[in-house]
């Protein structure tokens, strides 16, 4: 028995979920238990009692170091849990060393204003009515003044404060009035703060004296956000300003987004995730007409393997974007468009092309698919353009294409093998799944199947819509029984309820069980991290992503 294993009530052994493991779960999943929720939970200190216990045990610095490590290496699919945990260390800690270390490392966790505003909001909620103490004010002020410590970093701050002007009920003006940062006039920060508090006209004189480059940058931002008569716009000149100052969509007045030339300038530096998100808008203004240079520009990006590799887009998220774009209308708002056929084909090709960029886990898989008719009704909670059955087929195909050892079964009257191979298309996988007679979904049966057939699997994955029926055994007990039977002590079970808002199959005290009610663009990374051990052991490293993959629909 490994040192971290404990005796279970059925006589076997399982890995213990200690408070540091619960902290890792909280950061990766948003909850201490074994459930990843698509929708953001309203976080309260009761959601992260492990943090309080660790601090009380004198391990507060270990908590902060964990937060920094996870932030710097990008191990969390979502950032809210990180900011909440930092707020607990800053405002709930009774240990001054923990608070000091938290504030000293604030800039490493809050890398952009969105993070900072989220952190401040959590601090306010955790210590309502207590005001801003000296340490809190100094730490927030230092977040801004750090940008004056190295040459050129003031320009970075200028970009951040103009791109992320306000989030979560906070603005830079609110924060500066409370934090009172004291800038050095010579490094440009004084001019930036004047711009935030007093506006461009008031900041002009100061910037003329101290930093002409910043003045030119703010002038460019003002030019792009100014209200204009669409009939009297120098579109060519504004597009050149975007290129010269490397401005982004958030800098541009919405009224200017009706002009293809503006989008062309933005596309030159736009990340692929953002480009995919804006396909609907660009089509809606008639920019992506068949045979146009803009169509060619976007198709070429989707065909460029190096661009796809650099973007680190999971195939499933490309497929979601393809489905959304193909519908010609968004789920929210009133935006409609005519999909461009060449772009649809390029997106479809990109889906299959990105298979080779998925890093294999080199684990042995058994994927069990719900084949009931309800898998073809409604849409996935978190990906409203995709049906549950189609999502399960696509994710199964990605596994078949990237993992050497994987088997597939369907929940019919009994478990039946599914002939899925990496040479198939999603439609062909869908046809295989639909050909199987329907049966109930019992999440314990994959482990029973593996034991009856003496199969060795590291990971069991169940794809269903919402409900499970006819459960004979507890999945947690059958998983533990399988571990004893096979000798694979850390065999894992993931249950994905595509249309569910919440269910409870995973044993919260078992670090190798995961419930996923719904499935969103972060889902593939959460699964990979869980399978690779980073959610319980903090091992895996992947780049953080602030962009979501949905096509913009409002």
Foldseek 3Di string as FASTA:
>chain_A
DDPQWDADPVGFIFGFCALVLLLLLCQAQVASFFERFLDHDDDDVVRRVSQVVCLVVVNLVVSLVLLLLCQQLVQHQDLLSSLLSLLCQQQVHPDVVSNVSSLVCVCSSCVAVQSVVSNVVSNCVHDPPPAQDPSRLQSLLCSLQVLLPDPPSVLVVLQRCQLPQDDPPDGPQNSCVRNVHDHDLQSCSVLSVCCSNPNLVRSLVSCVVHPVVSNLLVVLLCVFQDDDDPVDDPLVVNLVSCQVNVHAPSSHHPVSLLDLSNVVSRVVPDQPLVVLQAPLVCQQSVNCDPPDVVVVVLLVCLVDLVSLLVSPAALLLLVLSLLQLCVQAHPDDGGGGHRDPSNSVSSLVSSLSCLVNDADLQFAEEEEEQLDPQQQDAFFDARRSHGLLLSSLSVVLSCQSHYPHYWYWYAAQATDTFPHHNVDGSVVSSVSSNVGHGHFAAQQRVLVVCLVVVHDGQEYEYREAEDGDDHPDQNVVSVSVSCVSNVNNLRAYEYEHGNFSDDDRDDRRHLRYHYYDTAHSCRVSSVSCSSNPCSSVVPDGDNHDPRGNHHHRD
